């Protein structure tokens, strides 16, 4: 009776687990490097909207609106009614101009 598979099977399981952990570690390191460098794509998009009235949606289902004053170090400074708000661009998932009605005024209800 051949019993070589008894020692071979646990070895294959261990190798598979190590491979899986290495893959997760590589993904984590890549995400961390990207976060340290900053998301340049969203930063360049936000720079297009400087001086415009925008609506920002974030990962945590939050939304911010106001006029973009500046984009610095992966953050955007919004101003609304004299109050300034700083939003981290790592958490922004959607950025668009604030919708306006036919008269050019802000819509009171924004439906997505």
PDB file of N, CA and C in Angstrom:
ATOM      1  N   UNK A   1       0.818  -1.165   0.000  1.00  0.00           N
ATOM      2  CA  UNK A   1       0.000   0.000   0.000  1.00  0.00           C
ATOM      3  C   UNK A   1       0.886   1.262   0.000  1.00  0.00           C
ATOM      4  N   UNK A   2       0.542   2.201  -0.870  1.00  0.00           N
ATOM      5  CA  UNK A   2       1.352   3.402  -0.976  1.00  0.00           C
ATOM      6  C   UNK A   2       0.819   4.478  -0.030  1.00  0.00           C
ATOM      7  N   UNK A   3       1.689   4.952   0.814  1.00  0.00           N
ATOM      8  CA  UNK A   3       1.299   5.964   1.788  1.00  0.00           C
ATOM      9  C   UNK A   3       2.041   7.277   1.574  1.00  0.00           C
ATOM     10  N   UNK A   4       2.670   7.440   0.460  1.00  0.00           N
ATOM     11  CA  UNK A   4       3.422   8.677   0.191  1.00  0.00           C
ATOM     12  C   UNK A   4       2.494   9.892   0.119  1.00  0.00           C
ATOM     13  N   UNK A   5       1.255   9.707  -0.265  1.00  0.00           N
ATOM     14  CA  UNK A   5       0.324  10.825  -0.389  1.00  0.00           C
ATOM     15  C   UNK A   5      -0.034  11.423   0.977  1.00  0.00           C
ATOM     16  N   UNK A   6       0.123  10.617   2.049  1.00  0.00           N
ATOM     17  CA  UNK A   6      -0.181  11.110   3.391  1.00  0.00           C
ATOM     18  C   UNK A   6       0.773  12.243   3.772  1.00  0.00           C
ATOM     19  N   UNK A   7       2.023  12.140   3.391  1.00  0.00           N
ATOM     20  CA  UNK A   7       2.978  13.214   3.692  1.00  0.00           C
ATOM     21  C   UNK A   7       2.961  14.300   2.620  1.00  0.00           C
ATOM     22  N   UNK A   8       2.564  13.965   1.418  1.00  0.00           N
ATOM     23  CA  UNK A   8       2.556  14.912   0.312  1.00  0.00           C
ATOM     24  C   UNK A   8       1.373  15.889   0.407  1.00  0.00           C
ATOM     25  N   UNK A   9       0.225  15.421   0.799  1.00  0.00           N
ATOM     26  CA  UNK A   9      -0.985  16.242   0.867  1.00  0.00           C
ATOM     27  C   UNK A   9      -0.858  17.400   1.872  1.00  0.00           C
ATOM     28  N   UNK A  10      -0.420  17.189   3.118  1.00  0.00           N
ATOM     29  CA  UNK A  10      -0.249  18.325   4.041  1.00  0.00           C
ATOM     30  C   UNK A  10       0.793  19.334   3.539  1.00  0.00           C
ATOM     31  N   UNK A  11       1.821  18.854   2.869  1.00  0.00           N
ATOM     32  CA  UNK A  11       2.821  19.754   2.312  1.00  0.00           C
ATOM     33  C   UNK A  11       2.213  20.656   1.244  1.00  0.00           C
ATOM     34  N   UNK A  12       1.350  20.131   0.427  1.00  0.00           N
ATOM     35  CA  UNK A  12       0.673  20.921  -0.603  1.00  0.00           C
ATOM     36  C   UNK A  12      -0.248  21.969   0.037  1.00  0.00           C
ATOM     37  N   UNK A  13      -0.912  21.604   1.117  1.00  0.00           N
ATOM     38  CA  UNK A  13      -1.790  22.544   1.809  1.00  0.00           C
ATOM     39  C   UNK A  13      -0.975  23.701   2.388  1.00  0.00           C
ATOM     40  N   UNK A  14       0.152  23.386   2.996  1.00  0.00           N
ATOM     41  CA  UNK A  14       1.006  24.420   3.570  1.00  0.00           C
ATOM     42  C   UNK A  14       1.518  25.357   2.476  1.00  0.00           C
ATOM     43  N   UNK A  15       1.942  24.832   1.361  1.00  0.00           N
ATOM     44  CA  UNK A  15       2.426  25.656   0.259  1.00  0.00           C
ATOM     45  C   UNK A  15       1.317  26.541  -0.302  1.00  0.00           C
ATOM     46  N   UNK A  16       0.118  26.007  -0.398  1.00  0.00           N
ATOM     47  CA  UNK A  16      -1.007  26.790  -0.889  1.00  0.00           C
ATOM     48  C   UNK A  16      -1.316  27.953   0.058  1.00  0.00           C
ATOM     49  N   UNK A  17      -1.314  27.715   1.353  1.00  0.00           N
ATOM     50  CA  UNK A  17      -1.582  28.764   2.336  1.00  0.00           C
ATOM     51  C   UNK A  17      -0.504  29.837   2.273  1.00  0.00           C
ATOM     52  N   UNK A  18       0.751  29.437   2.160  1.00  0.00           N
ATOM     53  CA  UNK A  18       1.838  30.416   2.052  1.00  0.00           C
ATOM     54  C   UNK A  18       1.709  31.253   0.787  1.00  0.00           C
ATOM     55  N   UNK A  19       1.324  30.629  -0.312  1.00  0.00           N
ATOM     56  CA  UNK A  19       1.132  31.354  -1.560  1.00  0.00           C
ATOM     57  C   UNK A  19       0.001  32.369  -1.421  1.00  0.00           C
ATOM     58  N   UNK A  20      -1.079  31.977  -0.793  1.00  0.00           N
ATOM     59  CA  UNK A  20      -2.236  32.852  -0.615  1.00  0.00           C
ATOM     60  C   UNK A  20      -1.875  34.053   0.271  1.00  0.00           C
ATOM     61  N   UNK A  21      -1.137  33.806   1.346  1.00  0.00           N
ATOM     62  CA  UNK A  21      -0.727  34.892   2.230  1.00  0.00           C
ATOM     63  C   UNK A  21       0.227  35.847   1.514  1.00  0.00           C
ATOM     64  N   UNK A  22       1.099  35.323   0.680  1.00  0.00           N
ATOM     65  CA  UNK A  22       2.032  36.181  -0.052  1.00  0.00           C
ATOM     66  C   UNK A  22       1.268  37.089  -1.015  1.00  0.00           C
ATOM     67  N   UNK A  23       0.248  36.540  -1.672  1.00  0.00           N
ATOM     68  CA  UNK A  23      -0.555  37.324  -2.598  1.00  0.00           C
ATOM     69  C   UNK A  23      -1.264  38.472  -1.860  1.00  0.00           C
ATOM     70  N   UNK A  24      -1.836  38.193  -0.710  1.00  0.00           N
ATOM     71  CA  UNK A  24      -2.505  39.219   0.080  1.00  0.00           C
ATOM     72  C   UNK A  24      -1.507  40.274   0.570  1.00  0.00           C
ATOM     73  N   UNK A  25      -0.321  39.833   0.958  1.00  0.00           N
ATOM     74  CA  UNK A  25       0.704  40.766   1.414  1.00  0.00           C
ATOM     75  C   UNK A  25       1.131  41.693   0.282  1.00  0.00           C
ATOM     76  N   UNK A  26       1.310  41.153  -0.910  1.00  0.00           N
ATOM     77  CA  UNK A  26       1.689  41.978  -2.060  1.00  0.00           C
ATOM     78  C   UNK A  26       0.611  43.012  -2.384  1.00  0.00           C
ATOM     79  N   UNK A  27      -0.651  42.618  -2.318  1.00  0.00           N
ATOM     80  CA  UNK A  27      -1.748  43.547  -2.560  1.00  0.00           C
ATOM     81  C   UNK A  27      -1.783  44.647  -1.498  1.00  0.00           C
ATOM     82  N   UNK A  28      -1.544  44.273  -0.251  1.00  0.00           N
ATOM     83  CA  UNK A  28      -1.529  45.249   0.842  1.00  0.00           C
ATOM     84  C   UNK A  28      -0.396  46.256   0.648  1.00  0.00           C
ATOM     85  N   UNK A  29       0.778  45.777   0.285  1.00  0.00           N
ATOM     86  CA  UNK A  29       1.932  46.662   0.083  1.00  0.00           C
ATOM     87  C   UNK A  29       1.682  47.607  -1.086  1.00  0.00           C
ATOM     88  N   UNK A  30       1.105  47.096  -2.163  1.00  0.00           N
ATOM     89  CA  UNK A  30       0.806  47.946  -3.321  1.00  0.00           C
ATOM     90  C   UNK A  30      -0.206  49.039  -2.954  1.00  0.00           C
ATOM     91  N   UNK A  31      -1.228  48.687  -2.185  1.00  0.00           N
ATOM     92  CA  UNK A  31      -2.226  49.678  -1.767  1.00  0.00           C
ATOM     93  C   UNK A  31      -1.608  50.709  -0.839  1.00  0.00           C
ATOM     94  N   UNK A  32      -0.722  50.282   0.013  1.00  0.00           N
ATOM     95  CA  UNK A  32      -0.073  51.214   0.940  1.00  0.00           C
ATOM     96  C   UNK A  32       0.838  52.194   0.207  1.00  0.00           C
ATOM     97  N   UNK A  33       1.581  51.700  -0.784  1.00  0.00           N
ATOM     98  CA  UNK A  33       2.447  52.572  -1.575  1.00  0.00           C
ATOM     99  C   UNK A  33       1.607  53.584  -2.337  1.00  0.00           C
ATOM    100  N   UNK A  34       0.499  53.135  -2.908  1.00  0.00           N
ATOM    101  CA  UNK A  34      -0.384  54.042  -3.643  1.00  0.00           C
ATOM    102  C   UNK A  34      -0.945  55.117  -2.717  1.00  0.00           C
ATOM    103  N   UNK A  35      -1.287  54.723  -1.484  1.00  0.00           N
ATOM    104  CA  UNK A  35      -1.841  55.677  -0.541  1.00  0.00           C
ATOM    105  C   UNK A  35      -0.779  56.699  -0.112  1.00  0.00           C
ATOM    106  N   UNK A  36       0.459  56.252   0.057  1.00  0.00           N
ATOM    107  CA  UNK A  36       1.522  57.167   0.456  1.00  0.00           C
ATOM    108  C   UNK A  36       1.825  58.179  -0.644  1.00  0.00           C
ATOM    109  N   UNK A  37       1.798  57.733  -1.884  1.00  0.00           N
ATOM    110  CA  UNK A  37       2.066  58.634  -2.999  1.00  0.00           C
ATOM    111  C   UNK A  37       0.874  59.533  -3.277  1.00  0.00           C
ATOM    112  N   UNK A  38      -0.294  59.083  -2.918  1.00  0.00           N
ATOM    113  CA  UNK A  38      -1.508  59.848  -3.182  1.00  0.00           C
ATOM    114  C   UNK A  38      -2.107  59.432  -4.509  1.00  0.00           C
ATOM    115  N   UNK A  39      -3.383  59.581  -4.602  1.00  0.00           N
ATOM    116  CA  UNK A  39      -4.088  59.211  -5.823  1.00  0.00           C
ATOM    117  C   UNK A  39      -3.999  60.382  -6.791  1.00  0.00           C
ATOM    118  N   UNK A  40      -3.036  60.335  -7.683  1.00  0.00           N
ATOM    119  CA  UNK A  40      -2.781  61.441  -8.590  1.00  0.00           C
ATOM    120  C   UNK A  40      -3.927  61.637  -9.584  1.00  0.00           C
ATOM    121  N   UNK A  41      -4.650  60.581  -9.906  1.00  0.00           N
ATOM    122  CA  UNK A  41      -5.750  60.702 -10.860  1.00  0.00           C
ATOM    123  C   UNK A  41      -6.845  61.623 -10.310  1.00  0.00           C
ATOM    124  N   UNK A  42      -7.263  61.385  -9.087  1.00  0.00           N
ATOM    125  CA  UNK A  42      -8.318  62.206  -8.499  1.00  0.00           C
ATOM    126  C   UNK A  42      -7.811  63.625  -8.256  1.00  0.00           C
ATOM    127  N   UNK A  43      -6.527  63.753  -7.965  1.00  0.00           N
ATOM    128  CA  UNK A  43      -5.955  65.075  -7.738  1.00  0.00           C
ATOM    129  C   UNK A  43      -5.980  65.909  -9.023  1.00  0.00           C
ATOM    130  N   UNK A  44      -5.640  65.300 -10.157  1.00  0.00           N
ATOM    131  CA  UNK A  44      -5.662  66.044 -11.419  1.00  0.00           C
ATOM    132  C   UNK A  44      -7.093  66.370 -11.830  1.00  0.00           C
ATOM    133  N   UNK A  45      -8.017  65.478 -11.550  1.00  0.00           N
ATOM    134  CA  UNK A  45      -9.423  65.749 -11.858  1.00  0.00           C
ATOM    135  C   UNK A  45      -9.929  66.906 -10.995  1.00  0.00           C
ATOM    136  N   UNK A  46      -9.569  66.906  -9.715  1.00  0.00           N
ATOM    137  CA  UNK A  46     -10.024  67.971  -8.812  1.00  0.00           C
ATOM    138  C   UNK A  46      -9.443  69.319  -9.227  1.00  0.00           C
ATOM    139  N   UNK A  47      -8.238  69.326  -9.777  1.00  0.00           N
ATOM    140  CA  UNK A  47      -7.627  70.591 -10.201  1.00  0.00           C
ATOM    141  C   UNK A  47      -8.395  71.221 -11.356  1.00  0.00           C
ATOM    142  N   UNK A  48      -9.096  70.415 -12.135  1.00  0.00           N
ATOM    143  CA  UNK A  48      -9.920  70.946 -13.230  1.00  0.00           C
ATOM    144  C   UNK A  48     -11.092  71.775 -12.710  1.00  0.00           C
ATOM    145  N   UNK A  49     -11.543  71.465 -11.501  1.00  0.00           N
ATOM    146  CA  UNK A  49     -12.738  72.089 -10.952  1.00  0.00           C
ATOM    147  C   UNK A  49     -12.434  73.247  -9.990  1.00  0.00           C
ATOM    148  N   UNK A  50     -11.212  73.720  -9.930  1.00  0.00           N
ATOM    149  CA  UNK A  50     -10.871  74.819  -9.025  1.00  0.00           C
ATOM    150  C   UNK A  50     -11.687  76.060  -9.405  1.00  0.00           C
ATOM    151  N   UNK A  51     -12.366  76.634  -8.427  1.00  0.00           N
ATOM    152  CA  UNK A  51     -13.188  77.814  -8.642  1.00  0.00           C
ATOM    153  C   UNK A  51     -14.621  77.508  -9.036  1.00  0.00           C
ATOM    154  N   UNK A  52     -14.971  76.233  -9.155  1.00  0.00           N
ATOM    155  CA  UNK A  52     -16.333  75.849  -9.542  1.00  0.00           C
ATOM    156  C   UNK A  52     -17.078  75.292  -8.337  1.00  0.00           C
ATOM    157  N   UNK A  53     -18.403  75.388  -8.395  1.00  0.00           N
ATOM    158  CA  UNK A  53     -19.275  74.830  -7.371  1.00  0.00           C
ATOM    159  C   UNK A  53     -19.431  73.337  -7.644  1.00  0.00           C
ATOM    160  N   UNK A  54     -18.993  72.490  -6.697  1.00  0.00           N
ATOM    161  CA  UNK A  54     -18.972  71.045  -6.927  1.00  0.00           C
ATOM    162  C   UNK A  54     -19.715  70.296  -5.834  1.00  0.00           C
ATOM    163  N   UNK A  55     -19.973  69.031  -6.128  1.00  0.00           N
ATOM    164  CA  UNK A  55     -20.581  68.096  -5.194  1.00  0.00           C
ATOM    165  C   UNK A  55     -19.648  66.892  -5.110  1.00  0.00           C
ATOM    166  N   UNK A  56     -19.141  66.584  -3.904  1.00  0.00           N
ATOM    167  CA  UNK A  56     -18.227  65.463  -3.675  1.00  0.00           C
ATOM    168  C   UNK A  56     -18.955  64.353  -2.936  1.00  0.00           C
ATOM    169  N   UNK A  57     -18.831  63.127  -3.408  1.00  0.00           N
ATOM    170  CA  UNK A  57     -19.362  61.972  -2.692  1.00  0.00           C
ATOM    171  C   UNK A  57     -18.180  61.160  -2.188  1.00  0.00           C
ATOM    172  N   UNK A  58     -18.251  60.711  -0.926  1.00  0.00           N
ATOM    173  CA  UNK A  58     -17.161  59.964  -0.323  1.00  0.00           C
ATOM    174  C   UNK A  58     -17.544  58.506  -0.112  1.00  0.00           C
ATOM    175  N   UNK A  59     -16.560  57.722   0.294  1.00  0.00           N
ATOM    176  CA  UNK A  59     -16.753  56.288   0.491  1.00  0.00           C
ATOM    177  C   UNK A  59     -17.798  56.016   1.566  1.00  0.00           C
ATOM    178  N   UNK A  60     -17.812  56.787   2.608  1.00  0.00           N
ATOM    179  CA  UNK A  60     -18.714  56.562   3.736  1.00  0.00           C
ATOM    180  C   UNK A  60     -20.099  57.152   3.485  1.00  0.00           C
ATOM    181  N   UNK A  61     -20.510  57.262   2.246  1.00  0.00           N
ATOM    182  CA  UNK A  61     -21.812  57.781   1.850  1.00  0.00           C
ATOM    183  C   UNK A  61     -22.039  59.217   2.299  1.00  0.00           C
ATOM    184  N   UNK A  62     -20.979  59.932   2.506  1.00  0.00           N
ATOM    185  CA  UNK A  62     -21.089  61.340   2.849  1.00  0.00           C
ATOM    186  C   UNK A  62     -20.990  62.173   1.589  1.00  0.00           C
ATOM    187  N   UNK A  63     -21.514  63.371   1.644  1.00  0.00           N
ATOM    188  CA  UNK A  63     -21.389  64.265   0.499  1.00  0.00           C
ATOM    189  C   UNK A  63     -21.054  65.663   0.997  1.00  0.00           C
ATOM    190  N   UNK A  64     -20.210  66.322   0.257  1.00  0.00           N
ATOM    191  CA  UNK A  64     -19.783  67.672   0.570  1.00  0.00           C
ATOM    192  C   UNK A  64     -20.023  68.523  -0.660  1.00  0.00           C
ATOM    193  N   UNK A  65     -20.417  69.762  -0.443  1.00  0.00           N
ATOM    194  CA  UNK A  65     -20.588  70.662  -1.573  1.00  0.00           C
ATOM    195  C   UNK A  65     -20.005  72.013  -1.227  1.00  0.00           C
ATOM    196  N   UNK A  66     -19.643  72.741  -2.263  1.00  0.00           N
ATOM    197  CA  UNK A  66     -19.064  74.059  -2.092  1.00  0.00           C
ATOM    198  C   UNK A  66     -18.162  74.377  -3.269  1.00  0.00           C
ATOM    199  N   UNK A  67     -17.483  75.494  -3.179  1.00  0.00           N
ATOM    200  CA  UNK A  67     -16.579  75.933  -4.230  1.00  0.00           C
ATOM    201  C   UNK A  67     -15.172  75.458  -3.884  1.00  0.00           C
ATOM    202  N   UNK A  68     -14.509  74.809  -4.831  1.00  0.00           N
ATOM    203  CA  UNK A  68     -13.141  74.349  -4.603  1.00  0.00           C
ATOM    204  C   UNK A  68     -12.207  75.554  -4.650  1.00  0.00           C
ATOM    205  N   UNK A  69     -11.500  75.776  -3.557  1.00  0.00           N
ATOM    206  CA  UNK A  69     -10.552  76.887  -3.478  1.00  0.00           C
ATOM    207  C   UNK A  69      -9.146  76.441  -3.884  1.00  0.00           C
ATOM    208  N   UNK A  70      -8.717  75.247  -3.414  1.00  0.00           N
ATOM    209  CA  UNK A  70      -7.392  74.766  -3.774  1.00  0.00           C
ATOM    210  C   UNK A  70      -7.306  73.258  -3.600  1.00  0.00           C
ATOM    211  N   UNK A  71      -6.348  72.672  -4.310  1.00  0.00           N
ATOM    212  CA  UNK A  71      -6.066  71.242  -4.210  1.00  0.00           C
ATOM    213  C   UNK A  71      -4.598  71.115  -3.817  1.00  0.00           C
ATOM    214  N   UNK A  72      -4.348  70.600  -2.604  1.00  0.00           N
ATOM    215  CA  UNK A  72      -2.986  70.523  -2.088  1.00  0.00           C
ATOM    216  C   UNK A  72      -2.776  69.183  -1.390  1.00  0.00           C
ATOM    217  N   UNK A  73      -1.679  68.515  -1.728  1.00  0.00           N
ATOM    218  CA  UNK A  73      -1.264  67.286  -1.039  1.00  0.00           C
ATOM    219  C   UNK A  73      -2.400  66.280  -0.855  1.00  0.00           C
ATOM    220  N   UNK A  74      -3.048  65.945  -1.946  1.00  0.00           N
ATOM    221  CA  UNK A  74      -4.101  64.935  -1.961  1.00  0.00           C
ATOM    222  C   UNK A  74      -5.298  65.310  -1.076  1.00  0.00           C
ATOM    223  N   UNK A  75      -5.538  66.594  -0.934  1.00  0.00           N
ATOM    224  CA  UNK A  75      -6.705  67.089  -0.205  1.00  0.00           C
ATOM    225  C   UNK A  75      -7.276  68.273  -0.974  1.00  0.00           C
ATOM    226  N   UNK A  76      -8.572  68.482  -0.810  1.00  0.00           N
ATOM    227  CA  UNK A  76      -9.242  69.587  -1.486  1.00  0.00           C
ATOM    228  C   UNK A  76      -9.884  70.478  -0.422  1.00  0.00           C
ATOM    229  N   UNK A  77      -9.778  71.791  -0.631  1.00  0.00           N
ATOM    230  CA  UNK A  77     -10.361  72.764   0.294  1.00  0.00           C
ATOM    231  C   UNK A  77     -11.633  73.300  -0.345  1.00  0.00           C
ATOM    232  N   UNK A  78     -12.769  73.066   0.309  1.00  0.00           N
ATOM    233  CA  UNK A  78     -14.071  73.547  -0.159  1.00  0.00           C
ATOM    234  C   UNK A  78     -14.517  74.711   0.709  1.00  0.00           C
ATOM    235  N   UNK A  79     -15.173  75.682   0.093  1.00  0.00           N
ATOM    236  CA  UNK A  79     -15.704  76.806   0.850  1.00  0.00           C
ATOM    237  C   UNK A  79     -17.190  76.957   0.540  1.00  0.00           C
ATOM    238  N   UNK A  80     -17.984  77.027   1.610  1.00  0.00           N
ATOM    239  CA  UNK A  80     -19.429  77.213   1.463  1.00  0.00           C
ATOM    240  C   UNK A  80     -19.904  78.105   2.608  1.00  0.00           C
ATOM    241  N   UNK A  81     -20.547  79.202   2.254  1.00  0.00           N
ATOM    242  CA  UNK A  81     -21.066  80.166   3.235  1.00  0.00           C
ATOM    243  C   UNK A  81     -19.971  80.673   4.175  1.00  0.00           C
ATOM    244  N   UNK A  82     -18.780  80.879   3.652  1.00  0.00           N
ATOM    245  CA  UNK A  82     -17.685  81.403   4.460  1.00  0.00           C
ATOM    246  C   UNK A  82     -16.956  80.368   5.300  1.00  0.00           C
ATOM    247  N   UNK A  83     -17.446  79.133   5.323  1.00  0.00           N
ATOM    248  CA  UNK A  83     -16.806  78.069   6.087  1.00  0.00           C
ATOM    249  C   UNK A  83     -15.976  77.209   5.153  1.00  0.00           C
ATOM    250  N   UNK A  84     -14.783  76.852   5.602  1.00  0.00           N
ATOM    251  CA  UNK A  84     -13.896  76.018   4.799  1.00  0.00           C
ATOM    252  C   UNK A  84     -13.927  74.587   5.319  1.00  0.00           C
ATOM    253  N   UNK A  85     -13.913  73.640   4.380  1.00  0.00           N
ATOM    254  CA  UNK A  85     -13.893  72.225   4.706  1.00  0.00           C
ATOM    255  C   UNK A  85     -12.779  71.575   3.909  1.00  0.00           C
ATOM    256  N   UNK A  86     -12.005  70.711   4.563  1.00  0.00           N
ATOM    257  CA  UNK A  86     -10.928  69.989   3.892  1.00  0.00           C
ATOM    258  C   UNK A  86     -11.349  68.529   3.765  1.00  0.00           C
ATOM    259  N   UNK A  87     -11.274  67.998   2.534  1.00  0.00           N
ATOM    260  CA  UNK A  87     -11.674  66.621   2.271  1.00  0.00           C
ATOM    261  C   UNK A  87     -10.481  65.882   1.677  1.00  0.00           C
ATOM    262  N   UNK A  88     -10.183  64.693   2.223  1.00  0.00           N
ATOM    263  CA  UNK A  88      -9.095  63.860   1.725  1.00  0.00           C
ATOM    264  C   UNK A  88      -9.547  63.186   0.429  1.00  0.00           C
ATOM    265  N   UNK A  89      -8.749  63.325  -0.624  1.00  0.00           N
ATOM    266  CA  UNK A  89      -9.125  62.770  -1.927  1.00  0.00           C
ATOM    267  C   UNK A  89      -8.995  61.252  -1.989  1.00  0.00           C
ATOM    268  N   UNK A  90      -8.380  60.622  -0.987  1.00  0.00           N
ATOM    269  CA  UNK A  90      -8.315  59.155  -0.958  1.00  0.00           C
ATOM    270  C   UNK A  90      -9.700  58.549  -0.791  1.00  0.00           C
ATOM    271  N   UNK A  91     -10.612  59.296  -0.174  1.00  0.00           N
ATOM    272  CA  UNK A  91     -11.938  58.771   0.129  1.00  0.00           C
ATOM    273  C   UNK A  91     -13.031  59.294  -0.802  1.00  0.00           C
ATOM    274  N   UNK A  92     -12.660  60.103  -1.775  1.00  0.00           N
ATOM    275  CA  UNK A  92     -13.645  60.646  -2.714  1.00  0.00           C
ATOM    276  C   UNK A  92     -13.875  59.636  -3.824  1.00  0.00           C
ATOM    277  N   UNK A  93     -15.151  59.300  -4.075  1.00  0.00           N
ATOM    278  CA  UNK A  93     -15.457  58.359  -5.144  1.00  0.00           C
ATOM    279  C   UNK A  93     -16.150  59.034  -6.322  1.00  0.00           C
ATOM    280  N   UNK A  94     -16.695  60.228  -6.084  1.00  0.00           N
ATOM    281  CA  UNK A  94     -17.368  60.922  -7.177  1.00  0.00           C
ATOM    282  C   UNK A  94     -17.213  62.425  -6.993  1.00  0.00           C
ATOM    283  N   UNK A  95     -16.901  63.099  -8.083  1.00  0.00           N
ATOM    284  CA  UNK A  95     -16.713  64.540  -8.072  1.00  0.00           C
ATOM    285  C   UNK A  95     -17.400  65.094  -9.304  1.00  0.00           C
ATOM    286  N   UNK A  96     -18.330  66.029  -9.086  1.00  0.00           N
ATOM    287  CA  UNK A  96     -19.038  66.611 -10.233  1.00  0.00           C
ATOM    288  C   UNK A  96     -19.489  68.019  -9.912  1.00  0.00           C
ATOM    289  N   UNK A  97     -19.761  68.771 -10.964  1.00  0.00           N
ATOM    290  CA  UNK A  97     -20.282  70.120 -10.772  1.00  0.00           C
ATOM    291  C   UNK A  97     -21.682  70.024 -10.187  1.00  0.00           C
ATOM    292  N   UNK A  98     -22.011  70.996  -9.369  1.00  0.00           N
ATOM    293  CA  UNK A  98     -23.324  70.994  -8.739  1.00  0.00           C
ATOM    294  C   UNK A  98     -24.384  71.217  -9.814  1.00  0.00           C
ATOM    295  N   UNK A  99     -25.421  70.390  -9.858  1.00  0.00           N
ATOM    296  CA  UNK A  99     -26.461  70.549 -10.888  1.00  0.00           C
ATOM    297  C   UNK A  99     -27.199  71.880 -10.752  1.00  0.00           C
ATOM    298  N   UNK A 100     -27.529  72.465 -11.880  1.00  0.00           N
ATOM    299  CA  UNK A 100     -28.224  73.758 -11.899  1.00  0.00           C
ATOM    300  C   UNK A 100     -29.528  73.621 -12.689  1.00  0.00           C
ATOM    301  N   UNK A 101     -30.488  74.466 -12.359  1.00  0.00           N
ATOM    302  CA  UNK A 101     -31.761  74.443 -13.085  1.00  0.00           C
ATOM    303  C   UNK A 101     -31.674  75.341 -14.321  1.00  0.00           C
ATOM    304  N   UNK A 102     -32.805  75.573 -14.974  1.00  0.00           N
ATOM    305  CA  UNK A 102     -32.819  76.354 -16.216  1.00  0.00           C
ATOM    306  C   UNK A 102     -32.386  77.800 -16.012  1.00  0.00           C
ATOM    307  N   UNK A 103     -32.619  78.327 -14.831  1.00  0.00           N
ATOM    308  CA  UNK A 103     -32.267  79.714 -14.548  1.00  0.00           C
ATOM    309  C   UNK A 103     -30.809  79.880 -14.114  1.00  0.00           C
ATOM    310  N   UNK A 104     -30.091  78.780 -13.988  1.00  0.00           N
ATOM    311  CA  UNK A 104     -28.691  78.847 -13.600  1.00  0.00           C
ATOM    312  C   UNK A 104     -28.464  78.803 -12.101  1.00  0.00           C
ATOM    313  N   UNK A 105     -29.521  78.537 -11.339  1.00  0.00           N
ATOM    314  CA  UNK A 105     -29.395  78.451  -9.895  1.00  0.00           C
ATOM    315  C   UNK A 105     -29.240  76.988  -9.491  1.00  0.00           C
ATOM    316  N   UNK A 106     -28.728  76.767  -8.289  1.00  0.00           N
ATOM    317  CA  UNK A 106     -28.551  75.406  -7.780  1.00  0.00           C
ATOM    318  C   UNK A 106     -29.894  74.710  -7.632  1.00  0.00           C
ATOM    319  N   UNK A 107     -29.932  73.446  -8.015  1.00  0.00           N
ATOM    320  CA  UNK A 107     -31.152  72.665  -7.807  1.00  0.00           C
ATOM    321  C   UNK A 107     -31.313  72.404  -6.314  1.00  0.00           C
ATOM    322  N   UNK A 108     -32.547  72.425  -5.856  1.00  0.00           N
ATOM    323  CA  UNK A 108     -32.783  72.202  -4.438  1.00  0.00           C
ATOM    324  C   UNK A 108     -32.725  70.718  -4.082  1.00  0.00           C
ATOM    325  N   UNK A 109     -33.056  69.840  -5.051  1.00  0.00           N
ATOM    326  CA  UNK A 109     -33.031  68.400  -4.817  1.00  0.00           C
ATOM    327  C   UNK A 109     -32.112  67.775  -5.853  1.00  0.00           C
ATOM    328  N   UNK A 110     -31.117  67.033  -5.355  1.00  0.00           N
ATOM    329  CA  UNK A 110     -30.186  66.341  -6.248  1.00  0.00           C
ATOM    330  C   UNK A 110     -30.491  64.858  -6.143  1.00  0.00           C
ATOM    331  N   UNK A 111     -30.950  64.264  -7.230  1.00  0.00           N
ATOM    332  CA  UNK A 111     -31.300  62.846  -7.227  1.00  0.00           C
ATOM    333  C   UNK A 111     -30.300  62.076  -8.086  1.00  0.00           C
ATOM    334  N   UNK A 112     -29.792  61.005  -7.537  1.00  0.00           N
ATOM    335  CA  UNK A 112     -28.854  60.139  -8.282  1.00  0.00           C
ATOM    336  C   UNK A 112     -29.447  58.781  -8.462  1.00  0.00           C
TER     337      UNK A 112
END
